[in-house]
Amino acid sequence: MADELIEQLENKVAFTIPIFGGIPIAESCVVTWIIMAVLVLLSIILTRKLKKVPEGSQCLLEGVMDWLDKLFLDVLGERGRKYVPVLETLILYIGVSNIIGIFGFVPPTKDVNVTAALAGIAIILVQASFIIEKGPLKWLKSFLNPLNLLDLLTRPLSLCMRLFGNVLGAFIVMELIKLPFKVIMGVPAIGVPVIFSAYFDIFDGLLQAYVFTFLTTLYISEAIEEEEEKEEKVKKEKKTKKAKKRPQLQGGK
């Protein structure tokens, strides 16, 4: 049983490209290509005949996209609307990657290289939003604060390991549930693990996609709104000072 579990946890090589001495292509990479192809194909199918008055699948599509827009815009505000498409792409990819195990594929997010790449994309997006909104000079000056430099290291590590740990943990639990059927009884695990799969594969997988992108959204919000908050505080202080001066001037007259 232990050998079977260890075998399932290995990041296998799907095939090798015979150039430059052989380039191994991991199974997680191949599954990612499949997910990308499916999402692109679905986006073409679901948007090719859009109507002003939505019907059928268009109602479902618009409902999902409206919910995602609201989810991110409530945190970022209208100023952050330009970053919403990237965040929506991230949550869709991570969500599908986490639940794809129910279709017989190995979740790409079970590979720490994939979660590290996703964390890298998230932090690059955060830093890019800072540069776009405040300029490269302020971005460089922000690293004079050691805490900002520390965040640049700890945030991607936290995003990477949280997603990887939760997906791997759910995968291990599901394999431990299935193994007795395969090893002891010699039959495939059909029916019994469905209840557990509904939680560990579907609910937990979608929850982790939400947590990853929501944290990324909060980081972007901090990057683009910090300066605005300072300006608002300065304006409020100026208004307060003016309001205090007016009674004095009136009294002097």
C-alpha atoms as a PDB file:
ATOM      1  CA  MET A   1       0.000   0.000   0.000  1.00  0.00           C
ATOM      2  CA  ALA A   2       2.838   2.407   0.860  1.00  0.00           C
ATOM      3  CA  ASP A   3       4.574   1.707  -2.454  1.00  0.00           C
ATOM      4  CA  GLU A   4       1.343   2.351  -4.333  1.00  0.00           C
ATOM      5  CA  LEU A   5       0.884   5.706  -2.560  1.00  0.00           C
ATOM      6  CA  ILE A   6       4.496   6.763  -3.191  1.00  0.00           C
ATOM      7  CA  GLU A   7       4.067   5.918  -6.874  1.00  0.00           C
ATOM      8  CA  GLN A   8       0.948   8.103  -7.054  1.00  0.00           C
ATOM      9  CA  LEU A   9       2.811  11.023  -5.438  1.00  0.00           C
ATOM     10  CA  GLU A  10       5.652  10.986  -7.974  1.00  0.00           C
ATOM     11  CA  ASN A  11       5.723  13.724 -10.608  1.00  0.00           C
ATOM     12  CA  LYS A  12       6.029  11.517 -13.670  1.00  0.00           C
ATOM     13  CA  VAL A  13       7.497  12.460 -17.043  1.00  0.00           C
ATOM     14  CA  ALA A  14       4.828  12.202 -19.746  1.00  0.00           C
ATOM     15  CA  PHE A  15       7.271  12.219 -22.687  1.00  0.00           C
ATOM     16  CA  THR A  16      10.658  13.559 -23.734  1.00  0.00           C
ATOM     17  CA  ILE A  17      11.301  15.940 -26.628  1.00  0.00           C
ATOM     18  CA  PRO A  18      14.321  14.504 -28.504  1.00  0.00           C
ATOM     19  CA  ILE A  19      16.325  17.757 -28.836  1.00  0.00           C
ATOM     20  CA  PHE A  20      19.231  19.224 -26.850  1.00  0.00           C
ATOM     21  CA  GLY A  21      19.895  15.848 -25.271  1.00  0.00           C
ATOM     22  CA  GLY A  22      16.222  15.314 -24.439  1.00  0.00           C
ATOM     23  CA  ILE A  23      13.783  17.729 -22.760  1.00  0.00           C
ATOM     24  CA  PRO A  24      11.507  15.925 -20.263  1.00  0.00           C
ATOM     25  CA  ILE A  25       7.900  17.128 -20.225  1.00  0.00           C
ATOM     26  CA  ALA A  26       6.198  16.534 -16.874  1.00  0.00           C
ATOM     27  CA  GLU A  27       2.696  15.102 -16.614  1.00  0.00           C
ATOM     28  CA  SER A  28       1.571  18.299 -14.851  1.00  0.00           C
ATOM     29  CA  CYS A  29       2.638  20.308 -17.908  1.00  0.00           C
ATOM     30  CA  VAL A  30       0.629  18.105 -20.279  1.00  0.00           C
ATOM     31  CA  VAL A  31      -2.485  18.347 -18.077  1.00  0.00           C
ATOM     32  CA  THR A  32      -2.022  22.134 -17.997  1.00  0.00           C
ATOM     33  CA  TRP A  33      -2.052  22.168 -21.810  1.00  0.00           C
ATOM     34  CA  ILE A  34      -5.286  20.145 -21.754  1.00  0.00           C
ATOM     35  CA  ILE A  35      -6.879  22.571 -19.280  1.00  0.00           C
ATOM     36  CA  MET A  36      -5.798  25.553 -21.401  1.00  0.00           C
ATOM     37  CA  ALA A  37      -7.249  23.963 -24.539  1.00  0.00           C
ATOM     38  CA  VAL A  38     -10.551  23.155 -22.797  1.00  0.00           C
ATOM     39  CA  LEU A  39     -10.924  26.671 -21.350  1.00  0.00           C
ATOM     40  CA  VAL A  40     -10.145  28.309 -24.703  1.00  0.00           C
ATOM     41  CA  LEU A  41     -12.553  25.969 -26.520  1.00  0.00           C
ATOM     42  CA  LEU A  42     -15.325  26.618 -23.979  1.00  0.00           C
ATOM     43  CA  SER A  43     -14.788  30.380 -24.186  1.00  0.00           C
ATOM     44  CA  ILE A  44     -15.189  30.228 -27.986  1.00  0.00           C
ATOM     45  CA  ILE A  45     -18.284  27.998 -27.829  1.00  0.00           C
ATOM     46  CA  LEU A  46     -20.022  29.962 -25.061  1.00  0.00           C
ATOM     47  CA  THR A  47     -19.394  33.410 -26.581  1.00  0.00           C
ATOM     48  CA  ARG A  48     -19.918  32.824 -30.303  1.00  0.00           C
ATOM     49  CA  LYS A  49     -23.674  33.608 -30.311  1.00  0.00           C
ATOM     50  CA  LEU A  50     -24.193  36.156 -27.558  1.00  0.00           C
ATOM     51  CA  LYS A  51     -27.573  37.903 -27.393  1.00  0.00           C
ATOM     52  CA  LYS A  52     -28.731  41.150 -25.794  1.00  0.00           C
ATOM     53  CA  VAL A  53     -31.295  39.150 -23.855  1.00  0.00           C
ATOM     54  CA  PRO A  54     -29.340  36.168 -22.432  1.00  0.00           C
ATOM     55  CA  GLU A  55     -30.732  32.660 -22.769  1.00  0.00           C
ATOM     56  CA  GLY A  56     -29.587  29.199 -21.720  1.00  0.00           C
ATOM     57  CA  SER A  57     -25.816  28.834 -21.322  1.00  0.00           C
ATOM     58  CA  GLN A  58     -25.340  32.593 -21.768  1.00  0.00           C
ATOM     59  CA  CYS A  59     -27.277  33.178 -18.526  1.00  0.00           C
ATOM     60  CA  LEU A  60     -24.923  30.813 -16.672  1.00  0.00           C
ATOM     61  CA  LEU A  61     -21.838  32.378 -18.269  1.00  0.00           C
ATOM     62  CA  GLU A  62     -22.912  35.937 -17.453  1.00  0.00           C
ATOM     63  CA  GLY A  63     -23.847  34.928 -13.911  1.00  0.00           C
ATOM     64  CA  VAL A  64     -20.398  33.440 -13.297  1.00  0.00           C
ATOM     65  CA  MET A  65     -18.561  36.394 -14.858  1.00  0.00           C
ATOM     66  CA  ASP A  66     -20.676  38.947 -12.965  1.00  0.00           C
ATOM     67  CA  TRP A  67     -19.891  37.140  -9.703  1.00  0.00           C
ATOM     68  CA  LEU A  68     -16.164  37.116 -10.493  1.00  0.00           C
ATOM     69  CA  ASP A  69     -16.210  40.803 -11.494  1.00  0.00           C
ATOM     70  CA  LYS A  70     -17.955  41.728  -8.245  1.00  0.00           C
ATOM     71  CA  LEU A  71     -15.602  39.540  -6.206  1.00  0.00           C
ATOM     72  CA  PHE A  72     -12.512  41.375  -7.428  1.00  0.00           C
ATOM     73  CA  LEU A  73     -13.928  44.879  -7.941  1.00  0.00           C
ATOM     74  CA  ASP A  74     -15.278  44.989  -4.381  1.00  0.00           C
ATOM     75  CA  VAL A  75     -11.662  44.767  -3.228  1.00  0.00           C
ATOM     76  CA  LEU A  76      -9.840  46.679  -5.980  1.00  0.00           C
ATOM     77  CA  GLY A  77     -12.393  49.322  -6.911  1.00  0.00           C
ATOM     78  CA  GLU A  78     -12.815  50.725 -10.421  1.00  0.00           C
ATOM     79  CA  ARG A  79      -9.162  51.729 -10.538  1.00  0.00           C
ATOM     80  CA  GLY A  80      -8.190  48.050 -10.417  1.00  0.00           C
ATOM     81  CA  ARG A  81     -10.560  46.914 -13.168  1.00  0.00           C
ATOM     82  CA  LYS A  82      -7.657  46.492 -15.597  1.00  0.00           C
ATOM     83  CA  TYR A  83      -6.256  43.678 -13.424  1.00  0.00           C
ATOM     84  CA  VAL A  84      -9.542  41.738 -13.180  1.00  0.00           C
ATOM     85  CA  PRO A  85      -9.121  39.684 -16.421  1.00  0.00           C
ATOM     86  CA  VAL A  86      -5.792  38.285 -15.193  1.00  0.00           C
ATOM     87  CA  LEU A  87      -7.254  37.431 -11.778  1.00  0.00           C
ATOM     88  CA  GLU A  88     -10.254  35.747 -13.406  1.00  0.00           C
ATOM     89  CA  THR A  89      -7.925  33.701 -15.599  1.00  0.00           C
ATOM     90  CA  LEU A  90      -5.965  32.629 -12.522  1.00  0.00           C
ATOM     91  CA  ILE A  91      -9.028  31.552 -10.538  1.00  0.00           C
ATOM     92  CA  LEU A  92     -10.443  29.600 -13.499  1.00  0.00           C
ATOM     93  CA  TYR A  93      -7.178  27.784 -14.183  1.00  0.00           C
ATOM     94  CA  ILE A  94      -6.466  26.977 -10.514  1.00  0.00           C
ATOM     95  CA  GLY A  95     -10.063  25.903  -9.899  1.00  0.00           C
ATOM     96  CA  VAL A  96     -10.106  23.513 -12.860  1.00  0.00           C
ATOM     97  CA  SER A  97      -6.600  22.252 -12.010  1.00  0.00           C
ATOM     98  CA  ASN A  98      -7.636  21.429  -8.446  1.00  0.00           C
ATOM     99  CA  ILE A  99     -10.782  19.487  -9.383  1.00  0.00           C
ATOM    100  CA  ILE A 100      -9.520  17.783 -12.534  1.00  0.00           C
ATOM    101  CA  GLY A 101      -8.642  14.700 -10.482  1.00  0.00           C
ATOM    102  CA  ILE A 102     -12.311  13.649 -10.585  1.00  0.00           C
ATOM    103  CA  PHE A 103     -11.900  13.149 -14.354  1.00  0.00           C
ATOM    104  CA  GLY A 104      -8.947  10.807 -13.902  1.00  0.00           C
ATOM    105  CA  PHE A 105      -6.157  13.347 -14.450  1.00  0.00           C
ATOM    106  CA  VAL A 106      -3.417  14.179 -11.966  1.00  0.00           C
ATOM    107  CA  PRO A 107      -3.962  17.742 -10.645  1.00  0.00           C
ATOM    108  CA  PRO A 108      -1.154  20.004 -11.946  1.00  0.00           C
ATOM    109  CA  THR A 109      -1.222  21.904  -8.642  1.00  0.00           C
ATOM    110  CA  LYS A 110       0.029  18.717  -6.945  1.00  0.00           C
ATOM    111  CA  ASP A 111       3.386  19.626  -8.521  1.00  0.00           C
ATOM    112  CA  VAL A 112       5.223  22.248  -6.449  1.00  0.00           C
ATOM    113  CA  ASN A 113       6.805  23.612  -9.643  1.00  0.00           C
ATOM    114  CA  VAL A 114       3.339  24.582 -10.891  1.00  0.00           C
ATOM    115  CA  THR A 115       2.293  26.272  -7.638  1.00  0.00           C
ATOM    116  CA  ALA A 116       5.655  28.075  -7.519  1.00  0.00           C
ATOM    117  CA  ALA A 117       5.076  29.364 -11.061  1.00  0.00           C
ATOM    118  CA  LEU A 118       1.553  30.518 -10.136  1.00  0.00           C
ATOM    119  CA  ALA A 119       2.889  32.296  -7.037  1.00  0.00           C
ATOM    120  CA  GLY A 120       5.540  33.940  -9.214  1.00  0.00           C
ATOM    121  CA  ILE A 121       2.882  35.168 -11.656  1.00  0.00           C
ATOM    122  CA  ALA A 122       0.816  36.541  -8.764  1.00  0.00           C
ATOM    123  CA  ILE A 123       3.702  38.499  -7.244  1.00  0.00           C
ATOM    124  CA  ILE A 124       4.847  39.806 -10.641  1.00  0.00           C
ATOM    125  CA  LEU A 125       1.273  41.050 -11.166  1.00  0.00           C
ATOM    126  CA  VAL A 126       1.343  42.777  -7.764  1.00  0.00           C
ATOM    127  CA  GLN A 127       4.666  44.484  -8.475  1.00  0.00           C
ATOM    128  CA  ALA A 128       3.570  45.419 -12.003  1.00  0.00           C
ATOM    129  CA  SER A 129       0.408  47.044 -10.620  1.00  0.00           C
ATOM    130  CA  PHE A 130       2.572  49.080  -8.209  1.00  0.00           C
ATOM    131  CA  ILE A 131       4.812  50.277 -11.056  1.00  0.00           C
ATOM    132  CA  ILE A 132       1.851  51.072 -13.346  1.00  0.00           C
ATOM    133  CA  GLU A 133      -0.014  53.077 -10.706  1.00  0.00           C
ATOM    134  CA  LYS A 134       2.879  54.792  -8.918  1.00  0.00           C
ATOM    135  CA  GLY A 135       5.856  54.642 -11.261  1.00  0.00           C
ATOM    136  CA  PRO A 136       9.182  52.777 -11.152  1.00  0.00           C
ATOM    137  CA  LEU A 137      10.920  55.296  -8.848  1.00  0.00           C
ATOM    138  CA  LYS A 138       8.381  54.893  -6.048  1.00  0.00           C
ATOM    139  CA  TRP A 139       8.537  51.144  -6.572  1.00  0.00           C
ATOM    140  CA  LEU A 140      12.302  51.161  -6.053  1.00  0.00           C
ATOM    141  CA  LYS A 141      12.012  53.501  -3.063  1.00  0.00           C
ATOM    142  CA  SER A 142       9.497  51.148  -1.423  1.00  0.00           C
ATOM    143  CA  PHE A 143      12.271  48.580  -0.961  1.00  0.00           C
ATOM    144  CA  LEU A 144      14.126  50.952   1.339  1.00  0.00           C
ATOM    145  CA  ASN A 145      11.650  49.632   3.894  1.00  0.00           C
ATOM    146  CA  PRO A 146      12.968  46.169   4.892  1.00  0.00           C
ATOM    147  CA  LEU A 147       9.405  44.927   5.494  1.00  0.00           C
ATOM    148  CA  ASN A 148       8.517  45.478   1.833  1.00  0.00           C
ATOM    149  CA  LEU A 149      11.608  43.548   0.782  1.00  0.00           C
ATOM    150  CA  LEU A 150      10.635  40.743   3.171  1.00  0.00           C
ATOM    151  CA  ASP A 151       7.103  40.679   1.715  1.00  0.00           C
ATOM    152  CA  LEU A 152       8.598  40.177  -1.721  1.00  0.00           C
ATOM    153  CA  LEU A 153      10.087  36.899  -0.472  1.00  0.00           C
ATOM    154  CA  THR A 154       7.494  35.627   1.990  1.00  0.00           C
ATOM    155  CA  ARG A 155       4.309  36.306   0.026  1.00  0.00           C
ATOM    156  CA  PRO A 156       5.112  34.103  -3.007  1.00  0.00           C
ATOM    157  CA  LEU A 157       6.428  31.385  -0.685  1.00  0.00           C
ATOM    158  CA  SER A 158       3.220  31.530   1.331  1.00  0.00           C
ATOM    159  CA  LEU A 159       0.996  31.418  -1.785  1.00  0.00           C
ATOM    160  CA  CYS A 160       3.009  28.558  -3.264  1.00  0.00           C
ATOM    161  CA  MET A 161       3.123  26.318  -0.191  1.00  0.00           C
ATOM    162  CA  ARG A 162      -0.488  26.983   0.889  1.00  0.00           C
ATOM    163  CA  LEU A 163      -1.858  25.897  -2.498  1.00  0.00           C
ATOM    164  CA  PHE A 164       0.570  22.993  -2.900  1.00  0.00           C
ATOM    165  CA  GLY A 165       0.071  21.715   0.659  1.00  0.00           C
ATOM    166  CA  ASN A 166      -3.722  21.770   0.517  1.00  0.00           C
ATOM    167  CA  VAL A 167      -3.976  20.132  -2.913  1.00  0.00           C
ATOM    168  CA  LEU A 168      -1.367  17.512  -2.041  1.00  0.00           C
ATOM    169  CA  GLY A 169      -3.072  16.812   1.301  1.00  0.00           C
ATOM    170  CA  ALA A 170      -6.460  16.327  -0.378  1.00  0.00           C
ATOM    171  CA  PHE A 171      -4.859  14.077  -3.004  1.00  0.00           C
ATOM    172  CA  ILE A 172      -3.199  11.919  -0.342  1.00  0.00           C
ATOM    173  CA  VAL A 173      -6.455  11.555   1.619  1.00  0.00           C
ATOM    174  CA  MET A 174      -8.362  10.496  -1.506  1.00  0.00           C
ATOM    175  CA  GLU A 175      -5.661   7.984  -2.457  1.00  0.00           C
ATOM    176  CA  LEU A 176      -5.716   6.508   1.057  1.00  0.00           C
ATOM    177  CA  ILE A 177      -9.487   6.085   0.714  1.00  0.00           C
ATOM    178  CA  LYS A 178      -9.166   4.411  -2.705  1.00  0.00           C
ATOM    179  CA  LEU A 179      -6.167   2.158  -1.966  1.00  0.00           C
ATOM    180  CA  PRO A 180      -7.950  -0.421   0.237  1.00  0.00           C
ATOM    181  CA  PHE A 181     -10.350  -1.136  -2.621  1.00  0.00           C
ATOM    182  CA  LYS A 182      -7.518  -1.553  -5.142  1.00  0.00           C
ATOM    183  CA  VAL A 183      -4.969  -3.395  -2.989  1.00  0.00           C
ATOM    184  CA  ILE A 184      -7.082  -5.430  -0.542  1.00  0.00           C
ATOM    185  CA  MET A 185     -10.261  -6.082  -2.515  1.00  0.00           C
ATOM    186  CA  GLY A 186      -8.741  -5.899  -5.969  1.00  0.00           C
ATOM    187  CA  VAL A 187     -11.594  -3.790  -7.354  1.00  0.00           C
ATOM    188  CA  PRO A 188     -11.692  -0.144  -8.463  1.00  0.00           C
ATOM    189  CA  ALA A 189     -13.013   2.348  -5.919  1.00  0.00           C
ATOM    190  CA  ILE A 190     -16.436   3.147  -7.357  1.00  0.00           C
ATOM    191  CA  GLY A 191     -19.263   4.767  -5.444  1.00  0.00           C
ATOM    192  CA  VAL A 192     -17.898   4.772  -1.896  1.00  0.00           C
ATOM    193  CA  PRO A 193     -15.369   7.663  -2.262  1.00  0.00           C
ATOM    194  CA  VAL A 194     -17.922   9.947  -3.963  1.00  0.00           C
ATOM    195  CA  ILE A 195     -18.923  11.669  -0.717  1.00  0.00           C
ATOM    196  CA  PHE A 196     -15.284  12.239   0.255  1.00  0.00           C
ATOM    197  CA  SER A 197     -14.462  13.391  -3.283  1.00  0.00           C
ATOM    198  CA  ALA A 198     -17.220  16.006  -3.126  1.00  0.00           C
ATOM    199  CA  TYR A 199     -15.322  17.649  -0.270  1.00  0.00           C
ATOM    200  CA  PHE A 200     -11.618  16.946  -0.876  1.00  0.00           C
ATOM    201  CA  ASP A 201     -11.635  17.184  -4.681  1.00  0.00           C
ATOM    202  CA  ILE A 202     -14.383  19.700  -5.419  1.00  0.00           C
ATOM    203  CA  PHE A 203     -15.142  21.913  -2.408  1.00  0.00           C
ATOM    204  CA  ASP A 204     -11.573  22.120  -1.101  1.00  0.00           C
ATOM    205  CA  GLY A 205     -10.170  22.520  -4.616  1.00  0.00           C
ATOM    206  CA  LEU A 206     -12.452  25.449  -5.439  1.00  0.00           C
ATOM    207  CA  LEU A 207     -11.878  26.950  -1.992  1.00  0.00           C
ATOM    208  CA  GLN A 208      -8.102  26.959  -2.498  1.00  0.00           C
ATOM    209  CA  ALA A 209      -8.496  28.633  -5.904  1.00  0.00           C
ATOM    210  CA  TYR A 210     -10.602  31.327  -4.211  1.00  0.00           C
ATOM    211  CA  VAL A 211      -8.090  31.806  -1.354  1.00  0.00           C
ATOM    212  CA  PHE A 212      -5.111  32.076  -3.731  1.00  0.00           C
ATOM    213  CA  THR A 213      -6.697  34.693  -5.986  1.00  0.00           C
ATOM    214  CA  PHE A 214      -8.339  36.598  -3.118  1.00  0.00           C
ATOM    215  CA  LEU A 215      -4.981  36.999  -1.362  1.00  0.00           C
ATOM    216  CA  THR A 216      -3.427  38.135  -4.645  1.00  0.00           C
ATOM    217  CA  THR A 217      -6.252  40.676  -5.001  1.00  0.00           C
ATOM    218  CA  LEU A 218      -5.590  42.008  -1.497  1.00  0.00           C
ATOM    219  CA  TYR A 219      -1.885  42.410  -2.302  1.00  0.00           C
ATOM    220  CA  ILE A 220      -2.755  44.348  -5.485  1.00  0.00           C
ATOM    221  CA  SER A 221      -5.214  46.483  -3.532  1.00  0.00           C
ATOM    222  CA  GLU A 222      -2.466  47.396  -1.068  1.00  0.00           C
ATOM    223  CA  ALA A 223      -0.125  48.258  -3.920  1.00  0.00           C
ATOM    224  CA  ILE A 224      -2.516  50.568  -5.792  1.00  0.00           C
ATOM    225  CA  GLU A 225      -4.541  52.097  -2.965  1.00  0.00           C
ATOM    226  CA  GLU A 226      -1.933  52.938  -0.333  1.00  0.00           C
ATOM    227  CA  GLU A 227      -1.065  56.268  -1.965  1.00  0.00           C
ATOM    228  CA  GLU A 228      -4.730  57.142  -2.388  1.00  0.00           C
ATOM    229  CA  GLU A 229      -5.369  56.601   1.303  1.00  0.00           C
ATOM    230  CA  LYS A 230      -2.473  58.901   2.211  1.00  0.00           C
ATOM    231  CA  GLU A 231      -3.805  61.607  -0.120  1.00  0.00           C
ATOM    232  CA  GLU A 232      -7.286  61.303   1.388  1.00  0.00           C
ATOM    233  CA  LYS A 233      -5.856  61.646   4.908  1.00  0.00           C
ATOM    234  CA  VAL A 234      -3.904  64.769   3.883  1.00  0.00           C
ATOM    235  CA  LYS A 235      -7.034  66.291   2.292  1.00  0.00           C
ATOM    236  CA  LYS A 236      -9.079  65.554   5.419  1.00  0.00           C
ATOM    237  CA  GLU A 237      -6.411  67.128   7.621  1.00  0.00           C
ATOM    238  CA  LYS A 238      -6.357  70.259   5.430  1.00  0.00           C
ATOM    239  CA  LYS A 239     -10.157  70.528   5.559  1.00  0.00           C
ATOM    240  CA  THR A 240     -10.091  70.131   9.346  1.00  0.00           C
ATOM    241  CA  LYS A 241      -7.460  72.883   9.680  1.00  0.00           C
ATOM    242  CA  LYS A 242      -9.480  75.226   7.430  1.00  0.00           C
ATOM    243  CA  ALA A 243     -12.645  74.499   9.424  1.00  0.00           C
ATOM    244  CA  LYS A 244     -10.813  75.399  12.662  1.00  0.00           C
ATOM    245  CA  LYS A 245      -9.425  78.646  11.208  1.00  0.00           C
ATOM    246  CA  ARG A 246     -12.796  79.937   9.984  1.00  0.00           C
ATOM    247  CA  PRO A 247     -14.363  80.444  13.501  1.00  0.00           C
ATOM    248  CA  GLN A 248     -11.181  82.250  14.600  1.00  0.00           C
ATOM    249  CA  LEU A 249     -11.317  84.601  11.616  1.00  0.00           C
ATOM    250  CA  GLN A 250     -15.018  85.273  12.174  1.00  0.00           C
ATOM    251  CA  GLY A 251     -14.366  86.004  15.860  1.00  0.00           C
ATOM    252  CA  GLY A 252     -11.576  88.429  14.947  1.00  0.00           C
ATOM    253  CA  LYS A 253     -13.899  90.370  12.663  1.00  0.00           C
END
